[in-house]
Every structure is written in structure tokens, then in C-alpha cells.
PDB file of N, CA and C in Angstrom:
ATOM      1  N   MET A   1     102.897 202.558  11.928  1.00  0.00           N
ATOM      2  CA  MET A   1     103.141 202.931  10.886  1.00  0.00           C
ATOM      3  C   MET A   1     102.354 202.855   9.700  1.00  0.00           C
ATOM      4  N   VAL A   2     102.726 203.516   8.478  1.00  0.00           N
ATOM      5  CA  VAL A   2     101.616 203.280   7.613  1.00  0.00           C
ATOM      6  C   VAL A   2     101.995 203.942   6.422  1.00  0.00           C
ATOM      7  N   LEU A   3     102.556 202.687   5.611  1.00  0.00           N
ATOM      8  CA  LEU A   3     103.084 202.896   4.562  1.00  0.00           C
ATOM      9  C   LEU A   3     102.442 203.527   3.277  1.00  0.00           C
ATOM     10  N   PRO A   4     103.051 204.311   2.381  1.00  0.00           N
ATOM     11  CA  PRO A   4     102.286 204.289   0.853  1.00  0.00           C
ATOM     12  C   PRO A   4     101.472 203.088   0.425  1.00  0.00           C
ATOM     13  N   GLN A   5     100.500 203.404  -0.578  1.00  0.00           N
ATOM     14  CA  GLN A   5      99.626 202.480  -1.130  1.00  0.00           C
ATOM     15  C   GLN A   5     100.318 202.426  -2.163  1.00  0.00           C
ATOM     16  N   ARG A   6     100.356 200.833  -3.032  1.00  0.00           N
ATOM     17  CA  ARG A   6     100.679 200.658  -4.362  1.00  0.00           C
ATOM     18  C   ARG A   6      99.914 200.985  -5.502  1.00  0.00           C
ATOM     19  N   PRO A   7     100.276 201.283  -6.405  1.00  0.00           N
ATOM     20  CA  PRO A   7      99.049 201.950  -6.956  1.00  0.00           C
ATOM     21  C   PRO A   7      98.685 201.218  -7.823  1.00  0.00           C
ATOM     22  N   PRO A   8      97.624 201.594  -8.304  1.00  0.00           N
ATOM     23  CA  PRO A   8      96.201 200.380  -8.711  1.00  0.00           C
ATOM     24  C   PRO A   8      96.690 199.961  -9.683  1.00  0.00           C
ATOM     25  N   GLY A   9      96.546 198.548 -10.301  1.00  0.00           N
ATOM     26  CA  GLY A   9      97.264 197.844 -11.024  1.00  0.00           C
ATOM     27  C   GLY A   9      98.158 197.080 -11.261  1.00  0.00           C
ATOM     28  N   ALA A  10      99.044 198.047  -9.994  1.00  0.00           N
ATOM     29  CA  ALA A  10     100.204 197.014  -9.567  1.00  0.00           C
ATOM     30  C   ALA A  10      99.943 196.067  -9.022  1.00  0.00           C
ATOM     31  N   PRO A  11     101.043 194.981  -9.437  1.00  0.00           N
ATOM     32  CA  PRO A  11     100.869 193.861  -8.418  1.00  0.00           C
ATOM     33  C   PRO A  11     101.330 193.782  -6.523  1.00  0.00           C
ATOM     34  N   GLY A  12     100.965 192.791  -6.065  1.00  0.00           N
ATOM     35  CA  GLY A  12     101.995 192.922  -4.856  1.00  0.00           C
ATOM     36  C   GLY A  12     103.265 192.161  -4.743  1.00  0.00           C
ATOM     37  N   ALA A  13     103.774 192.705  -3.569  1.00  0.00           N
ATOM     38  CA  ALA A  13     105.198 191.872  -3.325  1.00  0.00           C
ATOM     39  C   ALA A  13     104.771 190.226  -3.502  1.00  0.00           C
ATOM     40  N   THR A  14     103.878 190.060  -2.637  1.00  0.00           N
ATOM     41  CA  THR A  14     103.608 188.647  -2.164  1.00  0.00           C
ATOM     42  C   THR A  14     103.013 187.897  -3.635  1.00  0.00           C
ATOM     43  N   GLN A  15     102.518 188.720  -4.393  1.00  0.00           N
ATOM     44  CA  GLN A  15     101.661 188.073  -5.526  1.00  0.00           C
ATOM     45  C   GLN A  15     102.830 187.861  -6.863  1.00  0.00           C
ATOM     46  N   VAL A  16     103.744 188.287  -6.610  1.00  0.00           N
ATOM     47  CA  VAL A  16     104.533 189.023  -7.738  1.00  0.00           C
ATOM     48  C   VAL A  16     105.600 187.314  -7.184  1.00  0.00           C
ATOM     49  N   VAL A  17     105.963 187.027  -5.522  1.00  0.00           N
ATOM     50  CA  VAL A  17     106.698 185.819  -5.154  1.00  0.00           C
ATOM     51  C   VAL A  17     105.887 185.088  -5.532  1.00  0.00           C
ATOM     52  N   ASN A  18     104.825 184.681  -5.468  1.00  0.00           N
ATOM     53  CA  ASN A  18     103.958 183.717  -5.742  1.00  0.00           C
ATOM     54  C   ASN A  18     103.673 182.928  -7.472  1.00  0.00           C
ATOM     55  N   ALA A  19     103.905 183.994  -8.065  1.00  0.00           N
ATOM     56  CA  ALA A  19     104.006 184.133  -9.507  1.00  0.00           C
ATOM     57  C   ALA A  19     105.234 183.202 -10.230  1.00  0.00           C
ATOM     58  N   PHE A  20     106.332 183.838  -9.052  1.00  0.00           N
ATOM     59  CA  PHE A  20     107.349 183.262  -9.841  1.00  0.00           C
ATOM     60  C   PHE A  20     107.670 181.350  -9.246  1.00  0.00           C
ATOM     61  N   LYS A  21     107.153 181.583  -7.823  1.00  0.00           N
ATOM     62  CA  LYS A  21     107.137 180.039  -7.436  1.00  0.00           C
ATOM     63  C   LYS A  21     106.034 179.208  -8.685  1.00  0.00           C
ATOM     64  N   ALA A  22     105.113 179.785  -8.754  1.00  0.00           N
ATOM     65  CA  ALA A  22     104.169 179.190  -9.204  1.00  0.00           C
ATOM     66  C   ALA A  22     105.025 179.145 -10.942  1.00  0.00           C
ATOM     67  N   ALA A  23     106.030 179.775 -11.364  1.00  0.00           N
ATOM     68  CA  ALA A  23     106.630 179.188 -12.820  1.00  0.00           C
ATOM     69  C   ALA A  23     107.818 178.437 -12.260  1.00  0.00           C
ATOM     70  N   GLY A  24     107.747 178.039 -11.318  1.00  0.00           N
ATOM     71  CA  GLY A  24     108.930 176.877 -11.019  1.00  0.00           C
ATOM     72  C   GLY A  24     110.370 177.703 -10.884  1.00  0.00           C
ATOM     73  N   LEU A  25     110.069 178.874 -10.406  1.00  0.00           N
ATOM     74  CA  LEU A  25     111.457 179.626  -9.744  1.00  0.00           C
ATOM     75  C   LEU A  25     111.954 179.825  -8.811  1.00  0.00           C
ATOM     76  N   ARG A  26     113.013 180.011  -8.233  1.00  0.00           N
ATOM     77  CA  ARG A  26     113.255 179.736  -6.836  1.00  0.00           C
ATOM     78  C   ARG A  26     113.077 180.577  -6.103  1.00  0.00           C
ATOM     79  N   VAL A  27     112.144 181.295  -5.014  1.00  0.00           N
ATOM     80  CA  VAL A  27     112.237 182.308  -3.924  1.00  0.00           C
ATOM     81  C   VAL A  27     112.362 181.143  -2.718  1.00  0.00           C
ATOM     82  N   PRO A  28     113.748 181.015  -2.081  1.00  0.00           N
ATOM     83  CA  PRO A  28     113.048 180.642  -0.959  1.00  0.00           C
ATOM     84  C   PRO A  28     113.207 181.443   0.278  1.00  0.00           C
ATOM     85  N   HIS A  29     112.719 180.914   0.940  1.00  0.00           N
ATOM     86  CA  HIS A  29     113.065 181.791   2.299  1.00  0.00           C
ATOM     87  C   HIS A  29     112.352 183.402   2.210  1.00  0.00           C
ATOM     88  N   PRO A  30     110.796 183.131   2.001  1.00  0.00           N
ATOM     89  CA  PRO A  30     110.389 184.909   1.659  1.00  0.00           C
ATOM     90  C   PRO A  30     110.034 185.269   3.354  1.00  0.00           C
ATOM     91  N   LYS A  31     110.137 186.568   3.250  1.00  0.00           N
ATOM     92  CA  LYS A  31     110.196 187.512   4.290  1.00  0.00           C
ATOM     93  C   LYS A  31     109.570 188.648   3.861  1.00  0.00           C
ATOM     94  N   ASP A  32     108.184 188.566   5.012  1.00  0.00           N
ATOM     95  CA  ASP A  32     107.979 190.526   4.699  1.00  0.00           C
ATOM     96  C   ASP A  32     108.717 191.092   5.537  1.00  0.00           C
ATOM     97  N   ARG A  33     109.514 192.314   4.357  1.00  0.00           N
ATOM     98  CA  ARG A  33     110.018 193.074   5.474  1.00  0.00           C
ATOM     99  C   ARG A  33     109.870 194.593   4.999  1.00  0.00           C
ATOM    100  N   SER A  34     108.394 194.515   4.809  1.00  0.00           N
ATOM    101  CA  SER A  34     107.811 196.012   4.251  1.00  0.00           C
ATOM    102  C   SER A  34     107.766 196.995   5.640  1.00  0.00           C
ATOM    103  N   VAL A  35     108.292 196.503   6.351  1.00  0.00           N
ATOM    104  CA  VAL A  35     108.308 197.867   7.675  1.00  0.00           C
ATOM    105  C   VAL A  35     109.780 198.107   7.165  1.00  0.00           C
ATOM    106  N   ASP A  36     110.719 197.968   6.582  1.00  0.00           N
ATOM    107  CA  ASP A  36     112.105 198.076   6.192  1.00  0.00           C
ATOM    108  C   ASP A  36     111.976 199.810   5.298  1.00  0.00           C
ATOM    109  N   CYS A  37     110.349 199.589   4.555  1.00  0.00           N
ATOM    110  CA  CYS A  37     110.428 200.564   3.304  1.00  0.00           C
ATOM    111  C   CYS A  37     110.371 201.557   4.587  1.00  0.00           C
ATOM    112  N   GLY A  38     109.736 201.994   5.661  1.00  0.00           N
ATOM    113  CA  GLY A  38     109.753 203.196   6.425  1.00  0.00           C
ATOM    114  C   GLY A  38     110.721 203.835   7.094  1.00  0.00           C
ATOM    115  N   PRO A  39     110.941 204.955   7.595  1.00  0.00           N
ATOM    116  CA  PRO A  39     111.748 206.179   7.933  1.00  0.00           C
ATOM    117  C   PRO A  39     112.787 205.002   9.159  1.00  0.00           C
ATOM    118  N   ASP A  40     111.809 203.945   9.779  1.00  0.00           N
ATOM    119  CA  ASP A  40     112.827 203.234  11.170  1.00  0.00           C
ATOM    120  C   ASP A  40     113.812 202.328  10.223  1.00  0.00           C
ATOM    121  N   GLY A  41     112.951 202.141   9.137  1.00  0.00           N
ATOM    122  CA  GLY A  41     114.029 200.737   7.908  1.00  0.00           C
ATOM    123  C   GLY A  41     114.747 201.693   7.302  1.00  0.00           C
ATOM    124  N   LEU A  42     115.007 201.132   6.248  1.00  0.00           N
ATOM    125  CA  LEU A  42     116.111 201.715   5.234  1.00  0.00           C
ATOM    126  C   LEU A  42     115.710 203.051   4.532  1.00  0.00           C
ATOM    127  N   GLY A  43     114.136 203.869   4.827  1.00  0.00           N
ATOM    128  CA  GLY A  43     113.953 204.574   4.556  1.00  0.00           C
ATOM    129  C   GLY A  43     113.611 205.046   2.615  1.00  0.00           C
ATOM    130  N   LEU A  44     113.481 204.007   2.462  1.00  0.00           N
ATOM    131  CA  LEU A  44     113.271 203.969   0.494  1.00  0.00           C
ATOM    132  C   LEU A  44     111.266 204.502   0.359  1.00  0.00           C
ATOM    133  N   GLY A  45     111.071 204.373   1.269  1.00  0.00           N
ATOM    134  CA  GLY A  45     109.498 205.157   0.786  1.00  0.00           C
ATOM    135  C   GLY A  45     108.737 203.923  -0.243  1.00  0.00           C
ATOM    136  N   CYS A  46     109.030 202.691  -0.150  1.00  0.00           N
ATOM    137  CA  CYS A  46     107.957 201.679  -0.735  1.00  0.00           C
ATOM    138  C   CYS A  46     106.928 201.196  -0.187  1.00  0.00           C
ATOM    139  N   SER A  47     106.155 200.895  -0.512  1.00  0.00           N
ATOM    140  CA  SER A  47     105.094 200.164  -0.041  1.00  0.00           C
ATOM    141  C   SER A  47     105.169 198.638   0.191  1.00  0.00           C
ATOM    142  N   GLU A  48     105.950 197.918  -0.367  1.00  0.00           N
ATOM    143  CA  GLU A  48     105.655 196.685   0.112  1.00  0.00           C
ATOM    144  C   GLU A  48     107.038 196.219  -0.073  1.00  0.00           C
ATOM    145  N   LEU A  49     107.709 195.100   0.705  1.00  0.00           N
ATOM    146  CA  LEU A  49     109.204 194.413   0.081  1.00  0.00           C
ATOM    147  C   LEU A  49     109.123 193.358   0.598  1.00  0.00           C
ATOM    148  N   ILE A  50     109.321 192.090  -0.068  1.00  0.00           N
ATOM    149  CA  ILE A  50     109.168 191.026   0.630  1.00  0.00           C
ATOM    150  C   ILE A  50     111.257 190.501   0.046  1.00  0.00           C
ATOM    151  N   ALA A  51     111.679 189.672   0.702  1.00  0.00           N
ATOM    152  CA  ALA A  51     112.771 189.510   0.661  1.00  0.00           C
ATOM    153  C   ALA A  51     113.117 187.572   0.498  1.00  0.00           C
ATOM    154  N   THR A  52     113.700 187.129  -0.532  1.00  0.00           N
ATOM    155  CA  THR A  52     113.940 185.792  -0.589  1.00  0.00           C
ATOM    156  C   THR A  52     115.345 185.792  -0.679  1.00  0.00           C
ATOM    157  N   ASP A  53     115.834 184.278  -0.694  1.00  0.00           N
ATOM    158  CA  ASP A  53     117.473 184.134  -0.918  1.00  0.00           C
ATOM    159  C   ASP A  53     117.685 184.680  -2.469  1.00  0.00           C
ATOM    160  N   ALA A  54     116.629 184.239  -3.489  1.00  0.00           N
ATOM    161  CA  ALA A  54     116.944 184.678  -5.071  1.00  0.00           C
ATOM    162  C   ALA A  54     116.768 186.285  -5.109  1.00  0.00           C
ATOM    163  N   VAL A  55     115.798 186.494  -5.007  1.00  0.00           N
ATOM    164  CA  VAL A  55     115.483 187.968  -5.182  1.00  0.00           C
ATOM    165  C   VAL A  55     114.669 188.928  -3.697  1.00  0.00           C
ATOM    166  N   THR A  56     114.785 190.112  -3.931  1.00  0.00           N
ATOM    167  CA  THR A  56     114.001 191.096  -3.651  1.00  0.00           C
ATOM    168  C   THR A  56     113.177 191.618  -4.052  1.00  0.00           C
ATOM    169  N   VAL A  57     111.990 191.550  -3.861  1.00  0.00           N
ATOM    170  CA  VAL A  57     110.844 192.204  -4.830  1.00  0.00           C
ATOM    171  C   VAL A  57     109.936 193.548  -3.970  1.00  0.00           C
ATOM    172  N   TYR A  58     110.540 195.009  -4.584  1.00  0.00           N
ATOM    173  CA  TYR A  58     109.983 196.270  -3.935  1.00  0.00           C
ATOM    174  C   TYR A  58     108.835 196.600  -4.866  1.00  0.00           C
ATOM    175  N   VAL A  59     107.709 197.447  -3.852  1.00  0.00           N
ATOM    176  CA  VAL A  59     106.450 197.757  -4.677  1.00  0.00           C
ATOM    177  C   VAL A  59     106.419 199.380  -4.477  1.00  0.00           C
ATOM    178  N   PHE A  60     106.992 199.896  -5.205  1.00  0.00           N
ATOM    179  CA  PHE A  60     106.989 201.441  -4.675  1.00  0.00           C
ATOM    180  C   PHE A  60     105.371 202.100  -5.103  1.00  0.00           C
ATOM    181  N   PRO A  61     105.169 203.372  -4.122  1.00  0.00           N
ATOM    182  CA  PRO A  61     103.820 203.816  -4.522  1.00  0.00           C
ATOM    183  C   PRO A  61     103.750 204.341  -6.028  1.00  0.00           C
ATOM    184  N   ASP A  62     104.756 204.839  -6.605  1.00  0.00           N
ATOM    185  CA  ASP A  62     104.606 205.706  -7.950  1.00  0.00           C
ATOM    186  C   ASP A  62     105.825 205.379  -9.553  1.00  0.00           C
ATOM    187  N   GLU A  63     105.956 204.916 -10.371  1.00  0.00           N
ATOM    188  CA  GLU A  63     107.071 204.991 -11.214  1.00  0.00           C
ATOM    189  C   GLU A  63     108.102 205.407 -11.031  1.00  0.00           C
ATOM    190  N   THR A  64     108.222 206.854 -10.641  1.00  0.00           N
ATOM    191  CA  THR A  64     108.818 207.234 -10.297  1.00  0.00           C
ATOM    192  C   THR A  64     110.025 207.521  -9.357  1.00  0.00           C
ATOM    193  N   SER A  65     109.365 207.226  -8.276  1.00  0.00           N
ATOM    194  CA  SER A  65     110.138 206.426  -6.841  1.00  0.00           C
ATOM    195  C   SER A  65     111.013 204.953  -7.622  1.00  0.00           C
ATOM    196  N   ALA A  66     110.044 204.009  -8.366  1.00  0.00           N
ATOM    197  CA  ALA A  66     110.497 203.283  -8.500  1.00  0.00           C
ATOM    198  C   ALA A  66     111.608 203.046  -9.553  1.00  0.00           C
ATOM    199  N   SER A  67     111.563 204.077 -10.393  1.00  0.00           N
ATOM    200  CA  SER A  67     112.672 203.843 -11.338  1.00  0.00           C
ATOM    201  C   SER A  67     113.888 204.752 -10.908  1.00  0.00           C
ATOM    202  N   ASP A  68     113.578 205.944  -9.663  1.00  0.00           N
ATOM    203  CA  ASP A  68     114.963 206.247  -9.323  1.00  0.00           C
ATOM    204  C   ASP A  68     115.295 205.182  -8.232  1.00  0.00           C
ATOM    205  N   ILE A  69     115.409 204.314  -7.438  1.00  0.00           N
ATOM    206  CA  ILE A  69     115.915 203.125  -6.704  1.00  0.00           C
ATOM    207  C   ILE A  69     116.351 202.466  -7.665  1.00  0.00           C
ATOM    208  N   ALA A  70     115.501 202.032  -8.992  1.00  0.00           N
ATOM    209  CA  ALA A  70     116.381 201.568  -9.780  1.00  0.00           C
ATOM    210  C   ALA A  70     117.658 201.892 -10.578  1.00  0.00           C
ATOM    211  N   GLU A  71     117.563 202.905 -10.917  1.00  0.00           N
ATOM    212  CA  GLU A  71     118.773 203.321 -11.180  1.00  0.00           C
ATOM    213  C   GLU A  71     120.126 203.697 -10.686  1.00  0.00           C
ATOM    214  N   THR A  72     119.527 203.829  -9.253  1.00  0.00           N
ATOM    215  CA  THR A  72     120.557 204.020  -7.990  1.00  0.00           C
ATOM    216  C   THR A  72     121.164 202.807  -7.851  1.00  0.00           C
ATOM    217  N   TRP A  73     120.504 201.202  -8.022  1.00  0.00           N
ATOM    218  CA  TRP A  73     121.102 200.090  -8.119  1.00  0.00           C
ATOM    219  C   TRP A  73     121.631 199.368  -9.106  1.00  0.00           C
ATOM    220  N   GLY A  74     121.640 200.561 -10.207  1.00  0.00           N
ATOM    221  CA  GLY A  74     122.607 200.200 -11.415  1.00  0.00           C
ATOM    222  C   GLY A  74     122.351 198.762 -12.139  1.00  0.00           C
ATOM    223  N   GLY A  75     123.029 197.989 -12.446  1.00  0.00           N
ATOM    224  CA  GLY A  75     122.836 196.982 -13.343  1.00  0.00           C
ATOM    225  C   GLY A  75     122.118 195.732 -12.317  1.00  0.00           C
ATOM    226  N   GLN A  76     122.059 195.905 -11.000  1.00  0.00           N
ATOM    227  CA  GLN A  76     121.789 194.687 -10.052  1.00  0.00           C
ATOM    228  C   GLN A  76     119.986 194.576  -9.892  1.00  0.00           C
ATOM    229  N   SER A  77     119.477 195.601 -10.735  1.00  0.00           N
ATOM    230  CA  SER A  77     117.836 195.469 -10.389  1.00  0.00           C
ATOM    231  C   SER A  77     117.194 195.546 -11.866  1.00  0.00           C
ATOM    232  N   TYR A  78     116.256 195.391 -11.768  1.00  0.00           N
ATOM    233  CA  TYR A  78     114.717 194.985 -12.850  1.00  0.00           C
ATOM    234  C   TYR A  78     113.640 196.147 -12.571  1.00  0.00           C
ATOM    235  N   ARG A  79     113.665 197.101 -13.211  1.00  0.00           N
ATOM    236  CA  ARG A  79     112.047 197.470 -12.533  1.00  0.00           C
ATOM    237  C   ARG A  79     111.005 197.665 -13.956  1.00  0.00           C
ATOM    238  N   ARG A  80     109.791 197.103 -13.505  1.00  0.00           N
ATOM    239  CA  ARG A  80     108.604 197.187 -14.411  1.00  0.00           C
ATOM    240  C   ARG A  80     107.497 197.655 -13.593  1.00  0.00           C
ATOM    241  N   GLY A  81     107.085 199.047 -14.139  1.00  0.00           N
ATOM    242  CA  GLY A  81     106.031 199.806 -13.390  1.00  0.00           C
ATOM    243  C   GLY A  81     106.700 200.143 -12.094  1.00  0.00           C
ATOM    244  N   ALA A  82     105.653 200.054 -11.208  1.00  0.00           N
ATOM    245  CA  ALA A  82     105.948 200.353  -9.732  1.00  0.00           C
ATOM    246  C   ALA A  82     106.760 199.478  -8.653  1.00  0.00           C
ATOM    247  N   VAL A  83     106.951 198.203  -9.801  1.00  0.00           N
ATOM    248  CA  VAL A  83     107.905 196.971  -9.253  1.00  0.00           C
ATOM    249  C   VAL A  83     109.400 196.852  -9.545  1.00  0.00           C
ATOM    250  N   VAL A  84     110.183 196.827  -8.450  1.00  0.00           N
ATOM    251  CA  VAL A  84     111.630 196.621  -8.760  1.00  0.00           C
ATOM    252  C   VAL A  84     112.286 195.710  -8.235  1.00  0.00           C
ATOM    253  N   LEU A  85     112.640 194.719  -9.155  1.00  0.00           N
ATOM    254  CA  LEU A  85     113.649 193.380  -8.443  1.00  0.00           C
ATOM    255  C   LEU A  85     114.903 193.979  -8.283  1.00  0.00           C
ATOM    256  N   ASN A  86     115.081 193.499  -6.508  1.00  0.00           N
ATOM    257  CA  ASN A  86     116.784 193.791  -6.662  1.00  0.00           C
ATOM    258  C   ASN A  86     117.476 192.335  -6.189  1.00  0.00           C
ATOM    259  N   TYR A  87     118.698 192.243  -7.504  1.00  0.00           N
ATOM    260  CA  TYR A  87     119.319 191.018  -7.294  1.00  0.00           C
ATOM    261  C   TYR A  87     120.658 191.278  -6.050  1.00  0.00           C
ATOM    262  N   LEU A  88     120.587 192.570  -5.285  1.00  0.00           N
ATOM    263  CA  LEU A  88     121.905 193.186  -4.304  1.00  0.00           C
ATOM    264  C   LEU A  88     122.236 192.123  -3.450  1.00  0.00           C
ATOM    265  N   GLU A  89     121.374 191.577  -2.759  1.00  0.00           N
ATOM    266  CA  GLU A  89     121.788 191.016  -1.529  1.00  0.00           C
ATOM    267  C   GLU A  89     120.934 189.450  -1.791  1.00  0.00           C
ATOM    268  N   ALA A  90     120.952 188.759  -3.304  1.00  0.00           N
ATOM    269  CA  ALA A  90     120.530 187.653  -3.520  1.00  0.00           C
ATOM    270  C   ALA A  90     121.414 187.364  -4.254  1.00  0.00           C
ATOM    271  N   LYS A  91     121.787 185.667  -4.285  1.00  0.00           N
ATOM    272  CA  LYS A  91     122.920 185.252  -5.156  1.00  0.00           C
ATOM    273  C   LYS A  91     122.061 184.634  -6.989  1.00  0.00           C
ATOM    274  N   THR A  92     121.312 185.611  -7.292  1.00  0.00           N
ATOM    275  CA  THR A  92     120.930 185.075  -8.352  1.00  0.00           C
ATOM    276  C   THR A  92     121.957 185.492  -9.533  1.00  0.00           C
ATOM    277  N   PRO A  93     121.889 183.763 -10.177  1.00  0.00           N
ATOM    278  CA  PRO A  93     123.197 184.185 -11.357  1.00  0.00           C
ATOM    279  C   PRO A  93     122.188 184.918 -12.616  1.00  0.00           C
ATOM    280  N   ALA A  94     123.499 185.717 -13.132  1.00  0.00           N
ATOM    281  CA  ALA A  94     122.789 186.728 -13.977  1.00  0.00           C
ATOM    282  C   ALA A  94     122.217 186.231 -15.380  1.00  0.00           C
ATOM    283  N   ALA A  95     122.378 184.695 -15.801  1.00  0.00           N
ATOM    284  CA  ALA A  95     121.622 184.132 -16.544  1.00  0.00           C
ATOM    285  C   ALA A  95     120.170 183.834 -16.120  1.00  0.00           C
ATOM    286  N   GLU A  96     119.874 184.134 -15.267  1.00  0.00           N
ATOM    287  CA  GLU A  96     118.847 183.074 -14.552  1.00  0.00           C
ATOM    288  C   GLU A  96     117.680 184.386 -14.604  1.00  0.00           C
ATOM    289  N   ARG A  97     118.369 185.817 -14.418  1.00  0.00           N
ATOM    290  CA  ARG A  97     117.057 186.325 -13.993  1.00  0.00           C
ATOM    291  C   ARG A  97     116.138 187.028 -14.847  1.00  0.00           C
ATOM    292  N   PRO A  98     116.628 186.773 -16.227  1.00  0.00           N
ATOM    293  CA  PRO A  98     115.437 187.211 -17.690  1.00  0.00           C
ATOM    294  C   PRO A  98     114.175 186.472 -17.097  1.00  0.00           C
ATOM    295  N   ARG A  99     114.413 185.091 -16.241  1.00  0.00           N
ATOM    296  CA  ARG A  99     113.573 184.670 -16.230  1.00  0.00           C
ATOM    297  C   ARG A  99     112.462 184.867 -15.117  1.00  0.00           C
ATOM    298  N   TYR A 100     113.070 185.435 -13.855  1.00  0.00           N
ATOM    299  CA  TYR A 100     112.398 186.300 -12.788  1.00  0.00           C
ATOM    300  C   TYR A 100     111.881 187.627 -13.881  1.00  0.00           C
ATOM    301  N   GLU A 101     112.247 188.178 -14.370  1.00  0.00           N
ATOM    302  CA  GLU A 101     111.734 189.634 -15.000  1.00  0.00           C
ATOM    303  C   GLU A 101     110.393 189.074 -16.013  1.00  0.00           C
ATOM    304  N   LYS A 102     110.663 187.843 -17.101  1.00  0.00           N
ATOM    305  CA  LYS A 102     109.373 187.743 -18.045  1.00  0.00           C
ATOM    306  C   LYS A 102     108.191 187.397 -17.164  1.00  0.00           C
ATOM    307  N   VAL A 103     108.270 186.289 -15.980  1.00  0.00           N
ATOM    308  CA  VAL A 103     107.544 186.300 -14.953  1.00  0.00           C
ATOM    309  C   VAL A 103     106.598 187.717 -14.431  1.00  0.00           C
ATOM    310  N   LEU A 104     107.726 188.469 -14.218  1.00  0.00           N
ATOM    311  CA  LEU A 104     106.926 189.934 -13.684  1.00  0.00           C
ATOM    312  C   LEU A 104     106.118 190.468 -14.878  1.00  0.00           C
ATOM    313  N   ASN A 105     107.450 190.761 -16.291  1.00  0.00           N
ATOM    314  CA  ASN A 105     105.767 191.080 -17.144  1.00  0.00           C
ATOM    315  C   ASN A 105     105.054 190.839 -17.314  1.00  0.00           C
ATOM    316  N   GLY A 106     104.817 189.321 -16.984  1.00  0.00           N
ATOM    317  CA  GLY A 106     103.233 188.842 -17.565  1.00  0.00           C
ATOM    318  C   GLY A 106     102.250 188.996 -16.425  1.00  0.00           C
ATOM    319  N   LEU A 107     102.709 189.466 -15.298  1.00  0.00           N
ATOM    320  CA  LEU A 107     101.839 189.845 -14.461  1.00  0.00           C
ATOM    321  C   LEU A 107     100.979 191.814 -14.907  1.00  0.00           C
ATOM    322  N   GLY A 108      99.541 191.521 -14.421  1.00  0.00           N
ATOM    323  CA  GLY A 108      99.101 193.086 -13.963  1.00  0.00           C
ATOM    324  C   GLY A 108      98.706 193.049 -15.514  1.00  0.00           C
TER     325      GLY A 108
END
């Protein structure tokens, strides 16, 4: 299966998770679930997907796709460019979410 490429200049999902870790944020049990991006998985059309117990990082091939998904997830996500952080499956306290978002904003 070939997934769409992330856009030039967008950080990769692994890069985002590593940045969280470097900033002292919790990202326990990271799992590369990029296979779920394709039609055999969730069919979201993402390029990369890494799930942790704190936050799930999605990278989409373009900002439009990322924006559409972020809107679908409502207040349980945060988008910057083609990257979407999803808190739905993770148990990240709302008070800690801005720390993850600040690190993401500092990339690229």
C-alpha cells in the first residue's frame, strides 16, 4: 500500500512525537499506525499516523484534508498546517493540551 506523501516542509509524525518527548511531555507507548490511513484501515487518507497513550499525531498530504478531519473531531483535536493532534482516544487532560500544541507550533 502506498500512502500519500506529506507536504514538503511539514514535520513527520515521528519528528512531532520526538519533539514532544524532548520537551518533557508524555508520549507513552508510541505505535506507528500509518497503515490505518489507507482504505484497509480507517480510510482517513493521512500520510502518517503515530498513536501514543497521550496524543495521536496525524500528518495529512495537504492542509485541506487536515482541516476537514480536525473539524469532524471538533474540540478534541488541534491542527497546524497538515498536522493534526487528536485527543479522542488519548486521555490528555485539557489543561496539558496547550503544551503539546506549543511544541507543534515550534516545529518547521
